[in-house]
């Protein structure tokens, strides 16, 4: 005798889980691409890579929105808008949930800041954008600490495929990062176009 369980009552929870996984994978790919663009080997391919990086950033934000908002329909948690949008408000696994909220807001704001870089200032924007790796790591910790699938082999293998290269590139970027040039010398060198996510 077989027992069939309908997924309908858990549809919002399943949707949130799926969107969360997609967001983490897309964010990891975006981080990888951004760090690759910082390498001298890929300097000539920046325009094409920048378009792809922008697409990854925007789709990551979309997946994060679905991940959070779909929980509003979950019958088990019954979270409020504040629970999914404000850190340390939710009583459900508060630390892990808050890390996810902080990471979600951070990735969204840093991604959208690209369109405000002329108002922020190129140098200030570049410095600010480097925090992307920090909030990405916060999202990773959130997924591993609270994620329903965190203990599954398939989940860990899939995440490792995108997280390990991103982590390796971040370390390379950190240990080979060039010191900023003096302002006087920067004024004599043409910029060659607008700043990119990798700068």
N, C-alpha and C. Protein backbone atom coordinates (compact mmCIF):
# COMPACT_ATOMS: atom_id res chain seq x y z
N UNK A 1 0.85 -1.19 0.00
CA UNK A 1 0.00 0.00 0.00
C UNK A 1 0.89 1.24 0.00
N UNK A 2 0.66 2.11 -0.97
CA UNK A 2 1.47 3.32 -1.08
C UNK A 2 0.68 4.53 -0.60
N UNK A 3 1.40 5.48 0.00
CA UNK A 3 0.78 6.69 0.50
C UNK A 3 1.31 7.87 -0.31
N UNK A 4 0.42 8.59 -0.93
CA UNK A 4 0.81 9.73 -1.74
C UNK A 4 0.59 11.02 -0.97
N UNK A 5 1.62 11.82 -0.87
CA UNK A 5 1.53 13.09 -0.16
C UNK A 5 1.49 14.24 -1.15
N UNK A 6 0.48 15.08 -1.06
CA UNK A 6 0.35 16.21 -1.96
C UNK A 6 1.35 17.30 -1.58
N UNK A 7 1.95 17.88 -2.61
CA UNK A 7 2.91 18.96 -2.37
C UNK A 7 2.23 20.31 -2.22
N UNK A 8 0.92 20.36 -2.53
CA UNK A 8 0.20 21.64 -2.53
C UNK A 8 0.30 22.40 -1.21
N UNK A 9 0.09 21.75 -0.05
CA UNK A 9 0.19 22.51 1.21
C UNK A 9 1.58 23.10 1.46
N UNK A 10 2.57 22.52 0.82
CA UNK A 10 3.95 22.97 1.03
C UNK A 10 4.50 23.73 -0.18
N UNK A 11 3.61 24.15 -1.08
CA UNK A 11 4.04 24.77 -2.33
C UNK A 11 4.90 26.01 -2.10
N UNK A 12 4.48 26.87 -1.17
CA UNK A 12 5.23 28.10 -0.93
C UNK A 12 6.60 27.81 -0.32
N UNK A 13 6.65 26.80 0.57
CA UNK A 13 7.92 26.41 1.19
C UNK A 13 8.87 25.84 0.15
N UNK A 14 8.33 24.99 -0.73
CA UNK A 14 9.14 24.39 -1.79
C UNK A 14 9.64 25.47 -2.75
N UNK A 15 8.76 26.41 -3.07
CA UNK A 15 9.15 27.51 -3.96
C UNK A 15 10.28 28.33 -3.35
N UNK A 16 10.15 28.61 -2.06
CA UNK A 16 11.19 29.37 -1.37
C UNK A 16 12.52 28.62 -1.36
N UNK A 17 12.47 27.34 -1.09
CA UNK A 17 13.69 26.52 -1.09
C UNK A 17 14.36 26.55 -2.46
N UNK A 18 13.57 26.34 -3.50
CA UNK A 18 14.12 26.31 -4.86
C UNK A 18 14.72 27.66 -5.23
N UNK A 19 14.00 28.74 -4.90
CA UNK A 19 14.50 30.08 -5.23
C UNK A 19 15.77 30.40 -4.44
N UNK A 20 15.84 29.94 -3.19
CA UNK A 20 17.03 30.16 -2.39
C UNK A 20 18.25 29.48 -2.98
N UNK A 21 18.06 28.25 -3.44
CA UNK A 21 19.18 27.52 -4.06
C UNK A 21 19.62 28.22 -5.34
N UNK A 22 18.63 28.63 -6.15
CA UNK A 22 18.94 29.34 -7.40
C UNK A 22 19.68 30.63 -7.10
N UNK A 23 19.23 31.37 -6.09
CA UNK A 23 19.88 32.63 -5.73
C UNK A 23 21.33 32.41 -5.32
N UNK A 24 21.59 31.37 -4.54
CA UNK A 24 22.95 31.09 -4.09
C UNK A 24 23.86 30.70 -5.25
N UNK A 25 23.34 29.89 -6.15
CA UNK A 25 24.13 29.49 -7.31
C UNK A 25 24.43 30.69 -8.21
N UNK A 26 23.40 31.50 -8.49
CA UNK A 26 23.58 32.67 -9.35
C UNK A 26 24.54 33.68 -8.71
N UNK A 27 24.39 33.90 -7.40
CA UNK A 27 25.29 34.82 -6.71
C UNK A 27 26.73 34.33 -6.76
N UNK A 28 26.91 33.02 -6.60
CA UNK A 28 28.26 32.45 -6.64
C UNK A 28 28.87 32.61 -8.03
N UNK A 29 28.06 32.39 -9.06
CA UNK A 29 28.55 32.57 -10.44
C UNK A 29 28.87 34.03 -10.70
N UNK A 30 28.04 34.94 -10.16
CA UNK A 30 28.30 36.36 -10.32
C UNK A 30 29.59 36.78 -9.65
N UNK A 31 29.83 36.26 -8.45
CA UNK A 31 31.07 36.55 -7.74
C UNK A 31 32.27 36.03 -8.53
N UNK A 32 32.14 34.81 -9.05
CA UNK A 32 33.22 34.22 -9.86
C UNK A 32 33.54 35.11 -11.06
N UNK A 33 32.49 35.52 -11.76
CA UNK A 33 32.70 36.32 -12.96
C UNK A 33 33.30 37.68 -12.63
N UNK A 34 32.80 38.29 -11.56
CA UNK A 34 33.34 39.58 -11.16
C UNK A 34 34.81 39.51 -10.81
N UNK A 35 35.19 38.44 -10.12
CA UNK A 35 36.60 38.27 -9.75
C UNK A 35 37.45 37.94 -10.97
N UNK A 36 36.89 37.19 -11.91
CA UNK A 36 37.62 36.88 -13.14
C UNK A 36 37.91 38.15 -13.93
N UNK A 37 36.94 39.06 -13.95
CA UNK A 37 37.13 40.31 -14.69
C UNK A 37 38.26 41.16 -14.12
N UNK A 38 38.59 40.90 -12.86
CA UNK A 38 39.67 41.66 -12.22
C UNK A 38 41.05 41.14 -12.63
N UNK A 39 41.09 39.95 -13.21
CA UNK A 39 42.37 39.36 -13.62
C UNK A 39 42.83 39.95 -14.95
N UNK A 40 44.12 40.20 -15.09
CA UNK A 40 44.67 40.79 -16.31
C UNK A 40 44.39 39.93 -17.54
N UNK A 41 44.29 38.62 -17.35
CA UNK A 41 44.05 37.70 -18.46
C UNK A 41 42.75 38.00 -19.19
N UNK A 42 41.75 38.54 -18.46
CA UNK A 42 40.43 38.76 -19.05
C UNK A 42 40.12 40.23 -19.29
N UNK A 43 41.11 41.11 -19.20
CA UNK A 43 40.87 42.54 -19.35
C UNK A 43 40.21 42.87 -20.69
N UNK A 44 40.65 42.21 -21.77
CA UNK A 44 40.12 42.51 -23.10
C UNK A 44 38.71 42.03 -23.32
N UNK A 45 38.21 41.14 -22.47
CA UNK A 45 36.88 40.59 -22.65
C UNK A 45 35.86 41.21 -21.71
N UNK A 46 36.22 42.29 -21.06
CA UNK A 46 35.35 42.88 -20.05
C UNK A 46 33.95 43.28 -20.55
N UNK A 47 33.80 43.91 -21.73
CA UNK A 47 32.46 44.32 -22.14
C UNK A 47 31.45 43.18 -22.17
N UNK A 48 31.82 42.06 -22.80
CA UNK A 48 30.92 40.92 -22.86
C UNK A 48 30.70 40.30 -21.48
N UNK A 49 31.75 40.21 -20.71
CA UNK A 49 31.65 39.63 -19.37
C UNK A 49 30.82 40.52 -18.46
N UNK A 50 30.92 41.84 -18.67
CA UNK A 50 30.16 42.77 -17.84
C UNK A 50 28.67 42.61 -18.04
N UNK A 51 28.25 42.39 -19.31
CA UNK A 51 26.83 42.17 -19.60
C UNK A 51 26.34 40.92 -18.88
N UNK A 52 27.10 39.85 -18.96
CA UNK A 52 26.71 38.60 -18.30
C UNK A 52 26.69 38.79 -16.78
N UNK A 53 27.66 39.52 -16.27
CA UNK A 53 27.72 39.78 -14.83
C UNK A 53 26.50 40.57 -14.36
N UNK A 54 26.07 41.52 -15.19
CA UNK A 54 24.89 42.32 -14.86
C UNK A 54 23.64 41.45 -14.86
N UNK A 55 23.54 40.55 -15.83
CA UNK A 55 22.39 39.63 -15.90
C UNK A 55 22.35 38.74 -14.67
N UNK A 56 23.51 38.21 -14.28
CA UNK A 56 23.57 37.35 -13.10
C UNK A 56 23.17 38.12 -11.84
N UNK A 57 23.60 39.36 -11.74
CA UNK A 57 23.27 40.17 -10.57
C UNK A 57 21.77 40.42 -10.47
N UNK A 58 21.15 40.78 -11.58
CA UNK A 58 19.72 41.08 -11.57
C UNK A 58 18.87 39.84 -11.33
N UNK A 59 19.27 38.72 -11.93
CA UNK A 59 18.51 37.49 -11.72
C UNK A 59 18.69 36.98 -10.29
N UNK A 60 19.85 37.24 -9.70
CA UNK A 60 20.07 36.89 -8.30
C UNK A 60 19.10 37.66 -7.41
N UNK A 61 18.95 38.95 -7.68
CA UNK A 61 18.03 39.78 -6.90
C UNK A 61 16.60 39.26 -7.05
N UNK A 62 16.23 38.89 -8.28
CA UNK A 62 14.90 38.34 -8.51
C UNK A 62 14.67 37.06 -7.73
N UNK A 63 15.66 36.17 -7.72
CA UNK A 63 15.54 34.91 -6.99
C UNK A 63 15.46 35.14 -5.49
N UNK A 64 16.20 36.13 -4.98
CA UNK A 64 16.14 36.47 -3.55
C UNK A 64 14.74 36.97 -3.18
N UNK A 65 14.14 37.79 -4.04
CA UNK A 65 12.79 38.29 -3.78
C UNK A 65 11.78 37.14 -3.71
N UNK A 66 11.88 36.21 -4.66
CA UNK A 66 10.98 35.06 -4.65
C UNK A 66 11.22 34.20 -3.41
N UNK A 67 12.50 34.03 -3.06
CA UNK A 67 12.87 33.23 -1.89
C UNK A 67 12.22 33.77 -0.62
N UNK A 68 12.23 35.08 -0.46
CA UNK A 68 11.67 35.68 0.75
C UNK A 68 10.16 35.81 0.70
N UNK A 69 9.65 36.38 -0.39
CA UNK A 69 8.22 36.69 -0.47
C UNK A 69 7.34 35.44 -0.53
N UNK A 70 7.84 34.35 -1.11
CA UNK A 70 7.03 33.14 -1.18
C UNK A 70 6.75 32.56 0.21
N UNK A 71 7.61 32.88 1.17
CA UNK A 71 7.39 32.39 2.54
C UNK A 71 6.15 33.00 3.18
N UNK A 72 5.71 34.14 2.67
CA UNK A 72 4.52 34.78 3.23
C UNK A 72 3.28 33.90 3.10
N UNK A 73 3.30 32.99 2.14
CA UNK A 73 2.16 32.09 1.96
C UNK A 73 2.31 30.75 2.66
N UNK A 74 3.45 30.55 3.35
CA UNK A 74 3.67 29.26 4.01
C UNK A 74 2.74 29.09 5.22
N UNK A 75 2.06 27.96 5.29
CA UNK A 75 1.08 27.72 6.34
C UNK A 75 1.70 27.30 7.67
N UNK A 76 2.95 26.86 7.62
CA UNK A 76 3.60 26.39 8.85
C UNK A 76 4.25 27.55 9.61
N UNK A 77 5.05 28.35 8.92
CA UNK A 77 5.76 29.44 9.58
C UNK A 77 4.87 30.67 9.80
N UNK A 78 4.02 30.95 8.84
CA UNK A 78 3.18 32.15 8.91
C UNK A 78 3.99 33.41 9.22
N UNK A 79 5.07 33.67 8.47
CA UNK A 79 5.88 34.85 8.79
C UNK A 79 5.19 36.14 8.35
N UNK A 80 5.51 37.22 9.02
CA UNK A 80 5.04 38.53 8.60
C UNK A 80 6.06 39.13 7.65
N UNK A 81 5.71 40.26 7.04
CA UNK A 81 6.66 40.93 6.16
C UNK A 81 7.91 41.35 6.93
N UNK A 82 7.72 41.76 8.17
CA UNK A 82 8.86 42.15 9.00
C UNK A 82 9.77 40.95 9.28
N UNK A 83 9.19 39.77 9.45
CA UNK A 83 9.97 38.56 9.73
C UNK A 83 10.94 38.24 8.61
N UNK A 84 10.53 38.52 7.37
CA UNK A 84 11.38 38.16 6.24
C UNK A 84 12.22 39.32 5.73
N UNK A 85 11.98 40.52 6.27
CA UNK A 85 12.68 41.69 5.75
C UNK A 85 13.58 42.39 6.76
N UNK A 86 13.35 42.17 8.05
CA UNK A 86 14.12 42.87 9.08
C UNK A 86 14.90 41.87 9.93
N UNK A 87 16.22 42.01 10.01
CA UNK A 87 17.03 41.07 10.81
C UNK A 87 16.61 41.06 12.28
N UNK A 88 16.69 39.87 12.88
CA UNK A 88 16.47 39.65 14.31
C UNK A 88 15.02 39.88 14.77
N UNK A 89 14.08 39.91 13.83
CA UNK A 89 12.66 40.02 14.17
C UNK A 89 12.02 38.65 14.25
N UNK A 90 12.35 37.78 13.29
CA UNK A 90 11.76 36.45 13.26
C UNK A 90 12.23 35.60 14.43
N UNK A 91 11.31 34.82 14.98
CA UNK A 91 11.65 33.91 16.07
C UNK A 91 12.10 32.56 15.58
N UNK A 92 12.07 32.35 14.25
CA UNK A 92 12.46 31.06 13.68
C UNK A 92 13.94 31.09 13.32
N UNK A 93 14.75 30.30 14.03
CA UNK A 93 16.20 30.23 13.79
C UNK A 93 16.75 31.64 13.52
N UNK A 94 16.60 32.47 14.54
CA UNK A 94 16.84 33.91 14.39
C UNK A 94 18.20 34.27 13.78
N UNK A 95 19.26 33.62 14.24
CA UNK A 95 20.60 33.98 13.75
C UNK A 95 20.74 33.66 12.27
N UNK A 96 20.38 32.43 11.90
CA UNK A 96 20.52 32.02 10.50
C UNK A 96 19.60 32.83 9.60
N UNK A 97 18.37 33.07 10.05
CA UNK A 97 17.42 33.86 9.27
C UNK A 97 17.93 35.28 9.09
N UNK A 98 18.46 35.86 10.16
CA UNK A 98 18.96 37.24 10.08
C UNK A 98 20.15 37.35 9.14
N UNK A 99 21.02 36.35 9.16
CA UNK A 99 22.14 36.35 8.22
C UNK A 99 21.64 36.34 6.78
N UNK A 100 20.60 35.55 6.53
CA UNK A 100 20.03 35.50 5.19
C UNK A 100 19.43 36.83 4.77
N UNK A 101 18.73 37.49 5.70
CA UNK A 101 18.13 38.79 5.41
C UNK A 101 19.21 39.83 5.11
N UNK A 102 20.24 39.84 5.94
CA UNK A 102 21.35 40.78 5.73
C UNK A 102 22.03 40.53 4.38
N UNK A 103 22.24 39.24 4.07
CA UNK A 103 22.87 38.90 2.79
C UNK A 103 21.98 39.30 1.63
N UNK A 104 20.67 39.06 1.76
CA UNK A 104 19.75 39.41 0.69
C UNK A 104 19.72 40.90 0.41
N UNK A 105 19.59 41.70 1.47
CA UNK A 105 19.61 43.15 1.31
C UNK A 105 20.96 43.61 0.77
N UNK A 106 22.04 43.02 1.29
CA UNK A 106 23.38 43.43 0.85
C UNK A 106 23.61 43.17 -0.63
N UNK A 107 23.26 41.96 -1.09
CA UNK A 107 23.44 41.64 -2.50
C UNK A 107 22.58 42.52 -3.39
N UNK A 108 21.34 42.77 -2.94
CA UNK A 108 20.44 43.61 -3.74
C UNK A 108 20.95 45.05 -3.83
N UNK A 109 21.32 45.63 -2.71
CA UNK A 109 21.76 47.02 -2.69
C UNK A 109 23.10 47.21 -3.41
N UNK A 110 24.02 46.27 -3.20
CA UNK A 110 25.32 46.38 -3.87
C UNK A 110 25.17 46.17 -5.38
N UNK A 111 24.30 45.26 -5.77
CA UNK A 111 24.06 45.03 -7.19
C UNK A 111 23.44 46.25 -7.85
N UNK A 112 22.43 46.82 -7.23
CA UNK A 112 21.75 47.99 -7.80
C UNK A 112 22.59 49.25 -7.72
N UNK A 113 23.59 49.27 -6.85
CA UNK A 113 24.45 50.45 -6.74
C UNK A 113 25.23 50.70 -8.02
N UNK A 114 25.34 49.67 -8.86
CA UNK A 114 26.02 49.81 -10.16
C UNK A 114 25.40 50.94 -10.97
N UNK A 115 24.07 51.09 -10.87
CA UNK A 115 23.36 52.09 -11.65
C UNK A 115 23.44 53.48 -11.02
N UNK A 116 24.03 53.56 -9.83
CA UNK A 116 24.17 54.84 -9.14
C UNK A 116 25.64 55.24 -8.98
N UNK A 117 26.53 54.53 -9.66
CA UNK A 117 27.96 54.74 -9.42
C UNK A 117 28.41 56.15 -9.80
N UNK A 118 27.74 56.79 -10.75
CA UNK A 118 28.14 58.15 -11.12
C UNK A 118 27.83 59.15 -10.01
N UNK A 119 26.84 58.81 -9.19
CA UNK A 119 26.50 59.68 -8.06
C UNK A 119 27.32 59.32 -6.82
N UNK A 120 27.64 58.03 -6.69
CA UNK A 120 28.43 57.57 -5.55
C UNK A 120 29.89 57.98 -5.70
N UNK A 121 30.37 57.97 -6.94
CA UNK A 121 31.78 58.24 -7.20
C UNK A 121 32.49 56.93 -7.49
N UNK A 122 33.33 56.93 -8.53
CA UNK A 122 33.96 55.70 -8.98
C UNK A 122 34.78 55.00 -7.91
N UNK A 123 35.63 55.75 -7.23
CA UNK A 123 36.50 55.14 -6.22
C UNK A 123 35.70 54.63 -5.03
N UNK A 124 34.73 55.44 -4.58
CA UNK A 124 33.90 55.02 -3.45
C UNK A 124 33.06 53.80 -3.82
N UNK A 125 32.57 53.78 -5.06
CA UNK A 125 31.76 52.64 -5.51
C UNK A 125 32.59 51.36 -5.57
N UNK A 126 33.82 51.47 -6.08
CA UNK A 126 34.69 50.29 -6.15
C UNK A 126 34.94 49.71 -4.76
N UNK A 127 35.22 50.59 -3.80
CA UNK A 127 35.46 50.13 -2.43
C UNK A 127 34.21 49.48 -1.85
N UNK A 128 33.07 50.10 -2.09
CA UNK A 128 31.80 49.58 -1.59
C UNK A 128 31.47 48.23 -2.20
N UNK A 129 31.75 48.09 -3.48
CA UNK A 129 31.38 46.87 -4.20
C UNK A 129 32.18 45.65 -3.74
N UNK A 130 33.32 45.89 -3.15
CA UNK A 130 34.13 44.77 -2.66
C UNK A 130 33.46 44.05 -1.48
N UNK A 131 32.48 44.69 -0.89
CA UNK A 131 31.72 44.05 0.20
C UNK A 131 30.83 42.93 -0.32
N UNK A 132 30.69 42.84 -1.65
CA UNK A 132 29.86 41.79 -2.25
C UNK A 132 30.29 40.41 -1.78
N UNK A 133 31.59 40.18 -1.72
CA UNK A 133 32.09 38.87 -1.29
C UNK A 133 31.68 38.59 0.15
N UNK A 134 31.67 39.62 1.00
CA UNK A 134 31.30 39.45 2.41
C UNK A 134 29.83 39.04 2.54
N UNK A 135 28.93 39.76 1.84
CA UNK A 135 27.51 39.42 1.96
C UNK A 135 27.19 38.11 1.26
N UNK A 136 27.95 37.79 0.22
CA UNK A 136 27.79 36.48 -0.43
C UNK A 136 28.13 35.36 0.55
N UNK A 137 29.21 35.54 1.30
CA UNK A 137 29.58 34.55 2.31
C UNK A 137 28.51 34.43 3.39
N UNK A 138 27.89 35.57 3.75
CA UNK A 138 26.80 35.55 4.73
C UNK A 138 25.64 34.73 4.21
N UNK A 139 25.34 34.86 2.91
CA UNK A 139 24.28 34.07 2.30
C UNK A 139 24.61 32.59 2.29
N UNK A 140 25.87 32.28 2.06
CA UNK A 140 26.31 30.89 2.07
C UNK A 140 26.16 30.27 3.45
N UNK A 141 26.57 31.02 4.48
CA UNK A 141 26.43 30.54 5.86
C UNK A 141 24.95 30.36 6.21
N UNK A 142 24.11 31.27 5.76
CA UNK A 142 22.66 31.16 5.96
C UNK A 142 22.13 29.87 5.36
N UNK A 143 22.55 29.56 4.14
CA UNK A 143 22.06 28.36 3.45
C UNK A 143 22.53 27.09 4.15
N UNK A 144 23.77 27.09 4.61
CA UNK A 144 24.30 25.90 5.27
C UNK A 144 23.76 25.75 6.70
N UNK A 145 23.45 26.87 7.34
CA UNK A 145 22.98 26.81 8.72
C UNK A 145 21.50 26.57 8.85
N UNK A 146 20.71 27.10 7.92
CA UNK A 146 19.26 27.01 8.03
C UNK A 146 18.60 26.21 6.92
N UNK A 147 19.28 26.10 5.79
CA UNK A 147 18.70 25.45 4.63
C UNK A 147 18.21 24.03 4.89
N UNK A 148 17.01 23.74 4.41
CA UNK A 148 16.43 22.40 4.58
C UNK A 148 17.28 21.34 3.92
N UNK A 149 17.92 21.69 2.82
CA UNK A 149 18.69 20.71 2.05
C UNK A 149 20.18 20.72 2.39
N UNK A 150 20.57 21.47 3.41
CA UNK A 150 22.00 21.65 3.71
C UNK A 150 22.73 20.34 4.00
N UNK A 151 22.04 19.35 4.52
CA UNK A 151 22.69 18.09 4.85
C UNK A 151 22.69 17.07 3.72
N UNK A 152 22.07 17.44 2.60
CA UNK A 152 21.98 16.51 1.47
C UNK A 152 23.25 16.54 0.63
N UNK A 153 23.69 15.36 0.22
CA UNK A 153 24.93 15.25 -0.57
C UNK A 153 24.80 16.02 -1.88
N UNK A 154 23.65 15.91 -2.55
CA UNK A 154 23.48 16.58 -3.84
C UNK A 154 23.59 18.10 -3.69
N UNK A 155 23.07 18.62 -2.58
CA UNK A 155 23.11 20.05 -2.33
C UNK A 155 24.55 20.51 -2.09
N UNK A 156 25.25 19.79 -1.24
CA UNK A 156 26.63 20.14 -0.93
C UNK A 156 27.52 20.05 -2.16
N UNK A 157 27.29 19.02 -2.99
CA UNK A 157 28.09 18.86 -4.21
C UNK A 157 27.82 20.00 -5.18
N UNK A 158 26.55 20.34 -5.35
CA UNK A 158 26.18 21.40 -6.28
C UNK A 158 26.74 22.75 -5.84
N UNK A 159 26.63 23.03 -4.54
CA UNK A 159 27.13 24.29 -4.01
C UNK A 159 28.66 24.35 -4.12
N UNK A 160 29.32 23.21 -3.86
CA UNK A 160 30.78 23.17 -3.94
C UNK A 160 31.27 23.52 -5.34
N UNK A 161 30.52 23.11 -6.36
CA UNK A 161 30.92 23.35 -7.74
C UNK A 161 31.06 24.85 -8.03
N UNK A 162 30.21 25.66 -7.41
CA UNK A 162 30.29 27.10 -7.66
C UNK A 162 30.99 27.86 -6.54
N UNK A 163 30.92 27.34 -5.33
CA UNK A 163 31.49 28.05 -4.18
C UNK A 163 33.01 27.90 -4.12
N UNK A 164 33.53 26.72 -4.40
CA UNK A 164 34.98 26.50 -4.33
C UNK A 164 35.73 27.40 -5.30
N UNK A 165 35.32 27.48 -6.58
CA UNK A 165 36.03 28.41 -7.49
C UNK A 165 35.91 29.87 -7.05
N UNK A 166 34.72 30.27 -6.55
CA UNK A 166 34.54 31.65 -6.10
C UNK A 166 35.45 31.96 -4.92
N UNK A 167 35.55 31.02 -3.99
CA UNK A 167 36.42 31.22 -2.83
C UNK A 167 37.88 31.30 -3.25
N UNK A 168 38.29 30.43 -4.17
CA UNK A 168 39.67 30.43 -4.66
C UNK A 168 40.00 31.75 -5.35
N UNK A 169 39.08 32.24 -6.18
CA UNK A 169 39.30 33.50 -6.89
C UNK A 169 39.35 34.67 -5.91
N UNK A 170 38.51 34.61 -4.87
CA UNK A 170 38.51 35.67 -3.86
C UNK A 170 39.85 35.72 -3.14
N UNK A 171 40.41 34.57 -2.84
CA UNK A 171 41.72 34.52 -2.18
C UNK A 171 42.82 35.05 -3.10
N UNK A 172 42.75 34.67 -4.39
CA UNK A 172 43.73 35.18 -5.36
C UNK A 172 43.63 36.69 -5.45
N UNK A 173 42.40 37.19 -5.51
CA UNK A 173 42.18 38.63 -5.60
C UNK A 173 42.71 39.34 -4.35
N UNK A 174 42.48 38.74 -3.21
CA UNK A 174 42.91 39.35 -1.95
C UNK A 174 44.43 39.43 -1.85
N UNK A 175 45.11 38.34 -2.22
CA UNK A 175 46.57 38.30 -2.05
C UNK A 175 47.34 38.94 -3.20
N UNK A 176 46.65 39.22 -4.32
CA UNK A 176 47.35 39.85 -5.45
C UNK A 176 46.80 41.23 -5.74
N UNK A 177 45.95 41.74 -4.88
CA UNK A 177 45.33 43.05 -5.11
C UNK A 177 46.39 44.13 -5.15
N UNK A 178 46.33 44.97 -6.18
CA UNK A 178 47.29 46.06 -6.31
C UNK A 178 46.91 47.21 -5.38
N UNK A 179 47.94 47.86 -4.85
CA UNK A 179 47.71 49.02 -4.00
C UNK A 179 47.19 50.18 -4.85
N UNK A 180 46.26 50.97 -4.33
CA UNK A 180 45.76 52.11 -5.10
C UNK A 180 46.87 53.11 -5.42
N UNK A 181 46.81 53.66 -6.63
CA UNK A 181 47.83 54.62 -7.05
C UNK A 181 47.52 56.00 -6.48
N UNK A 182 48.54 56.83 -6.30
CA UNK A 182 48.31 58.19 -5.81
C UNK A 182 47.38 58.95 -6.75
N UNK A 183 46.62 59.86 -6.18
CA UNK A 183 45.62 60.59 -6.98
C UNK A 183 46.27 61.34 -8.14
N UNK A 184 47.47 61.91 -7.93
CA UNK A 184 48.13 62.68 -8.97
C UNK A 184 48.43 61.83 -10.19
N UNK A 185 48.93 60.60 -9.96
CA UNK A 185 49.27 59.73 -11.08
C UNK A 185 48.04 59.19 -11.75
N UNK A 186 46.94 59.03 -11.01
CA UNK A 186 45.71 58.53 -11.61
C UNK A 186 45.14 59.53 -12.60
N UNK A 187 45.37 60.83 -12.36
CA UNK A 187 44.80 61.84 -13.24
C UNK A 187 45.48 61.86 -14.60
N UNK A 188 46.68 61.32 -14.69
CA UNK A 188 47.40 61.34 -15.96
C UNK A 188 47.13 60.10 -16.79
N UNK A 189 46.39 59.14 -16.25
CA UNK A 189 46.13 57.89 -16.96
C UNK A 189 44.67 57.86 -17.38
N UNK A 190 44.37 57.68 -18.70
CA UNK A 190 42.97 57.61 -19.15
C UNK A 190 42.27 56.41 -18.55
N UNK A 191 41.02 56.60 -18.25
CA UNK A 191 40.27 55.50 -17.59
C UNK A 191 39.85 54.44 -18.58
N UNK A 192 39.60 54.82 -19.84
CA UNK A 192 39.24 53.81 -20.84
C UNK A 192 37.81 53.33 -20.70
N UNK A 193 36.95 54.07 -20.02
CA UNK A 193 35.54 53.67 -19.92
C UNK A 193 35.08 53.66 -18.49
N UNK A 194 33.81 53.35 -18.31
CA UNK A 194 33.24 53.35 -16.97
C UNK A 194 33.77 52.22 -16.13
N UNK A 195 33.74 52.33 -14.83
CA UNK A 195 34.21 51.25 -13.95
C UNK A 195 33.34 50.02 -14.06
N UNK A 196 33.90 48.87 -13.79
CA UNK A 196 33.15 47.63 -13.88
C UNK A 196 32.95 47.06 -12.49
N UNK A 197 32.11 46.02 -12.42
CA UNK A 197 31.85 45.34 -11.16
C UNK A 197 33.12 44.79 -10.56
N UNK A 198 34.13 44.49 -11.40
CA UNK A 198 35.33 43.82 -10.92
C UNK A 198 36.32 44.77 -10.29
N UNK A 199 36.17 46.06 -10.52
CA UNK A 199 37.16 47.02 -10.04
C UNK A 199 37.08 47.19 -8.54
